[in-house]
Amino acid sequence: MENRRGRYSLEELKLLKRGAESQIYETYFLGIHAIVKKRISKAYRDPKLDRKINLERTIMEAKLMYNALKSGINVPAILYIDKDNFSIIMEFIEGITVKEVLWKNLYDPKKIGEMIGEIALRLHSSQIAHGDLTTNNLILKGNQLFLIDFGLSKRSNDVEDFATDVHVFLRSLESVHPDKKDEVFEGFKLTYSKFKLYEKVMETLKDIRMRGRYVEERRSKSSNR
């Protein structure tokens, strides 16, 4: 695969994931094991608008990854940004997702929670909301934890955005790791509680979860009529 200007070439691409907004490929770039994240064009959008949106989102994602790295968070190293094809080529992290780690009991759940809380603390202190903080987007490599997939991330100082990150994380524990939820979340709060807006975030988290329960109750009542 080459970009339009032929500035780089990739070895054979292996499709790993096809999402609504992007496709993820595994490959080698200049001999380095790599991931290519390519944003998908939308046929229903005006071509010029589509290009503008995809270009802006590609650049923003790369910037937020770099800002997260500067704040002390382990993220994949960015190897190349292909603005013509709305793609980011980044380091392939040779590790195991936290989802699998918890399933297979490979690491102390409370310690994992503390590590995730530290990541959320650094992220939010840098005014970044991740948008998809799940156990599938955290990779354990040795004793280091990496955060991946900044596709939904944004710059923010809004407590609601930070609380939404915590809510998404907690929901991922409840739905996929219910037996480990309490232990992991206890560890998470130990480190995340150092965040200056911690109390406000946790209060907002309660409101978000109450709104969610209200919606679920209404749906349940409607389906039983």
Protein backbone atom coordinates (compact mmCIF):
# COMPACT_ATOMS: atom_id res chain seq x y z
CA MET A 1 0.00 0.00 0.00
CA GLU A 2 1.28 3.45 -0.88
CA ASN A 3 -0.12 6.84 -0.24
CA ARG A 4 -0.99 9.02 -3.22
CA ARG A 5 2.39 10.74 -3.29
CA GLY A 6 4.36 7.53 -2.79
CA ARG A 7 6.20 8.85 0.26
CA TYR A 8 6.01 5.55 2.09
CA SER A 9 5.11 1.93 1.57
CA LEU A 10 3.66 -0.72 3.84
CA GLU A 11 4.01 -4.45 3.84
CA GLU A 12 0.91 -6.61 3.46
CA LEU A 13 -2.03 -5.24 5.45
CA LYS A 14 -4.07 -7.50 7.72
CA LEU A 15 -7.50 -6.17 8.65
CA LEU A 16 -8.00 -6.44 12.42
CA LYS A 17 -11.16 -4.43 12.97
CA ARG A 18 -13.75 -2.66 10.87
CA GLY A 19 -15.67 0.01 12.76
CA ALA A 20 -18.21 2.66 11.85
CA GLU A 21 -15.58 5.41 11.74
CA SER A 22 -12.33 3.62 10.91
CA GLN A 23 -10.57 0.44 9.86
CA ILE A 24 -7.64 -1.00 11.81
CA TYR A 25 -4.87 -2.91 10.03
CA GLU A 26 -1.76 -4.75 11.22
CA THR A 27 1.36 -4.34 9.10
CA TYR A 28 5.08 -3.49 9.12
CA PHE A 29 6.32 0.04 8.48
CA LEU A 30 10.05 0.47 7.83
CA GLY A 31 10.56 -2.89 9.52
CA ILE A 32 8.55 -1.86 12.61
CA HIS A 33 5.51 -3.88 13.68
CA ALA A 34 2.72 -1.35 13.25
CA ILE A 35 -0.98 -0.56 13.27
CA VAL A 36 -2.66 1.55 10.60
CA LYS A 37 -5.82 3.36 11.62
CA LYS A 38 -7.63 4.67 8.55
CA ARG A 39 -10.72 6.82 8.84
CA ILE A 40 -13.61 5.87 6.56
CA SER A 41 -15.17 8.30 4.10
CA LYS A 42 -18.95 8.65 4.31
CA ALA A 43 -20.81 8.46 1.00
CA TYR A 44 -23.73 10.52 2.35
CA ARG A 45 -21.50 13.53 3.08
CA ASP A 46 -20.45 16.18 0.60
CA PRO A 47 -16.92 15.11 -0.57
CA LYS A 48 -15.29 18.38 0.49
CA LEU A 49 -16.97 18.30 3.89
CA ASP A 50 -16.10 14.62 4.29
CA ARG A 51 -12.44 15.32 3.58
CA LYS A 52 -12.40 18.28 5.99
CA ILE A 53 -13.99 16.27 8.81
CA ASN A 54 -11.73 13.23 8.37
CA LEU A 55 -8.60 15.36 8.10
CA GLU A 56 -9.44 17.36 11.24
CA ARG A 57 -10.28 14.22 13.22
CA THR A 58 -7.11 12.44 12.11
CA ILE A 59 -4.93 15.38 13.14
CA MET A 60 -6.81 15.86 16.42
CA GLU A 61 -6.47 12.19 17.36
CA ALA A 62 -2.71 12.30 16.75
CA LYS A 63 -2.36 15.52 18.78
CA LEU A 64 -4.30 14.08 21.72
CA MET A 65 -2.16 10.94 21.68
CA TYR A 66 0.95 13.13 21.80
CA ASN A 67 -0.49 15.25 24.61
CA ALA A 68 -1.35 12.10 26.57
CA LEU A 69 2.22 10.90 26.09
CA LYS A 70 3.56 14.24 27.38
CA SER A 71 1.41 13.83 30.50
CA GLY A 72 3.12 10.52 31.29
CA ILE A 73 0.61 8.07 29.81
CA ASN A 74 1.88 5.10 27.81
CA VAL A 75 0.40 5.30 24.30
CA PRO A 76 1.53 3.75 20.98
CA ALA A 77 4.32 5.74 19.34
CA ILE A 78 3.11 7.55 16.23
CA LEU A 79 5.28 6.58 13.26
CA TYR A 80 3.62 8.54 10.46
CA ILE A 81 0.52 10.64 9.79
CA ASP A 82 -0.88 10.28 6.27
CA LYS A 83 -3.11 13.31 5.84
CA ASP A 84 -4.03 12.36 2.26
CA ASN A 85 -5.53 9.04 3.34
CA PHE A 86 -6.70 10.12 6.83
CA SER A 87 -4.47 7.48 8.41
CA ILE A 88 -2.25 7.22 11.46
CA ILE A 89 0.53 4.64 11.46
CA MET A 90 1.50 3.75 15.00
CA GLU A 91 3.47 1.24 17.01
CA PHE A 92 1.88 -2.18 17.53
CA ILE A 93 1.76 -2.83 21.28
CA GLU A 94 2.80 -6.43 21.98
CA GLY A 95 0.67 -7.11 25.02
CA ILE A 96 -2.66 -8.35 26.37
CA THR A 97 -5.85 -6.32 26.77
CA VAL A 98 -6.97 -5.73 30.34
CA LYS A 99 -10.20 -7.45 29.31
CA GLU A 100 -8.25 -10.67 28.73
CA VAL A 101 -6.00 -10.11 31.75
CA LEU A 102 -9.04 -10.00 34.04
CA TRP A 103 -10.73 -12.93 32.34
CA LYS A 104 -7.64 -15.12 32.78
CA ASN A 105 -6.68 -13.83 36.25
CA LEU A 106 -3.22 -12.80 35.03
CA TYR A 107 -2.77 -9.76 37.30
CA ASP A 108 -4.01 -8.51 40.65
CA PRO A 109 -7.38 -6.79 39.95
CA LYS A 110 -6.89 -4.05 42.54
CA LYS A 111 -3.42 -3.24 41.19
CA ILE A 112 -4.82 -3.08 37.64
CA GLY A 113 -7.48 -0.70 38.94
CA GLU A 114 -4.82 1.53 40.49
CA MET A 115 -2.92 1.65 37.19
CA ILE A 116 -6.08 2.59 35.27
CA GLY A 117 -6.93 5.23 37.87
CA GLU A 118 -3.48 6.74 37.40
CA ILE A 119 -4.06 6.92 33.63
CA ALA A 120 -7.47 8.59 34.11
CA LEU A 121 -5.91 11.02 36.62
CA ARG A 122 -3.16 12.07 34.20
CA LEU A 123 -5.58 12.21 31.25
CA HIS A 124 -8.17 14.38 32.96
CA SER A 125 -5.54 16.58 34.61
CA SER A 126 -4.34 17.31 31.06
CA GLN A 127 -7.93 18.24 30.05
CA ILE A 128 -8.42 15.21 27.82
CA ALA A 129 -11.55 13.06 27.85
CA HIS A 130 -10.91 9.67 26.25
CA GLY A 131 -14.47 8.82 25.24
CA ASP A 132 -14.09 5.02 25.28
CA LEU A 133 -12.28 4.04 28.47
CA THR A 134 -12.97 0.30 28.46
CA THR A 135 -10.88 -2.74 29.42
CA ASN A 136 -10.56 -3.49 25.70
CA ASN A 137 -8.70 -0.21 25.10
CA LEU A 138 -6.07 -0.83 27.77
CA ILE A 139 -3.13 -3.11 27.00
CA LEU A 140 -0.79 -4.61 29.58
CA LYS A 141 2.78 -5.07 28.35
CA GLY A 142 4.94 -6.49 31.12
CA ASN A 143 4.21 -4.19 34.06
CA GLN A 144 3.29 -1.22 31.88
CA LEU A 145 -0.24 -0.26 30.93
CA PHE A 146 -0.94 1.36 27.54
CA LEU A 147 -4.01 3.35 26.54
CA ILE A 148 -5.16 2.98 22.93
CA ASP A 149 -7.91 4.20 20.56
CA PHE A 150 -8.24 7.97 20.90
CA GLY A 151 -10.84 8.10 18.12
CA LEU A 152 -13.53 9.54 20.41
CA SER A 153 -11.18 11.65 22.52
CA LYS A 154 -11.46 15.41 22.85
CA ARG A 155 -10.07 18.40 24.66
CA SER A 156 -12.30 19.18 27.62
CA ASN A 157 -12.43 20.69 31.09
CA ASP A 158 -16.07 19.64 31.54
CA VAL A 159 -16.71 17.52 34.63
CA GLU A 160 -19.51 15.75 32.74
CA ASP A 161 -17.02 14.49 30.14
CA PHE A 162 -14.67 13.20 32.84
CA ALA A 163 -17.56 11.53 34.68
CA THR A 164 -18.65 9.94 31.41
CA ASP A 165 -15.19 8.40 31.05
CA VAL A 166 -15.51 6.91 34.54
CA HIS A 167 -19.06 5.77 33.78
CA VAL A 168 -17.98 4.00 30.56
CA PHE A 169 -15.15 2.31 32.46
CA LEU A 170 -17.46 1.22 35.27
CA ARG A 171 -20.04 -0.09 32.81
CA SER A 172 -17.36 -2.14 31.05
CA LEU A 173 -16.50 -3.71 34.41
CA GLU A 174 -20.15 -4.40 35.23
CA SER A 175 -20.94 -5.97 31.86
CA VAL A 176 -17.73 -7.93 31.19
CA HIS A 177 -16.08 -8.42 34.60
CA PRO A 178 -18.87 -8.36 37.23
CA ASP A 179 -16.91 -10.65 39.57
CA LYS A 180 -13.89 -8.30 39.52
CA LYS A 181 -15.77 -4.98 39.41
CA ASP A 182 -15.59 -4.00 43.08
CA GLU A 183 -11.91 -4.85 43.48
CA VAL A 184 -10.84 -3.11 40.27
CA PHE A 185 -12.93 0.00 40.93
CA GLU A 186 -11.64 0.22 44.50
CA GLY A 187 -8.10 0.33 43.12
CA PHE A 188 -9.16 2.86 40.47
CA LYS A 189 -10.51 5.26 43.10
CA LEU A 190 -7.33 5.00 45.20
CA THR A 191 -5.29 6.74 42.51
CA TYR A 192 -7.97 8.72 40.66
CA SER A 193 -9.02 10.38 43.93
CA LYS A 194 -5.88 12.56 43.61
CA PHE A 195 -7.61 14.41 40.74
CA LYS A 196 -8.52 17.92 41.86
CA LEU A 197 -12.08 17.56 40.55
CA TYR A 198 -12.55 14.05 41.95
CA GLU A 199 -15.50 14.84 44.23
CA LYS A 200 -17.35 16.71 41.49
CA VAL A 201 -16.67 13.88 39.01
CA MET A 202 -18.03 11.25 41.39
CA GLU A 203 -21.14 13.32 42.11
CA THR A 204 -21.74 13.76 38.37
CA LEU A 205 -21.14 10.03 37.90
CA LYS A 206 -24.02 9.33 40.30
CA ASP A 207 -26.28 11.63 38.25
CA ILE A 208 -25.30 9.93 34.98
CA ARG A 209 -26.01 6.50 36.41
CA MET A 210 -29.35 7.63 37.84
CA ARG A 211 -30.36 9.01 34.43
CA GLY A 212 -29.35 5.70 32.86
CA ARG A 213 -31.45 3.71 35.31
CA TYR A 214 -34.44 5.99 34.70
CA VAL A 215 -34.21 5.41 30.93
CA GLU A 216 -33.88 1.64 31.44
CA GLU A 217 -36.91 1.60 33.75
CA ARG A 218 -39.01 3.52 31.20
CA ARG A 219 -37.99 1.13 28.44
CA SER A 220 -38.82 -1.84 30.64
CA LYS A 221 -42.27 -0.46 31.48
CA SER A 222 -42.97 0.31 27.80
CA SER A 223 -42.01 -3.21 26.69
CA ASN A 224 -44.29 -4.77 29.33
CA ARG A 225 -47.39 -2.89 28.19
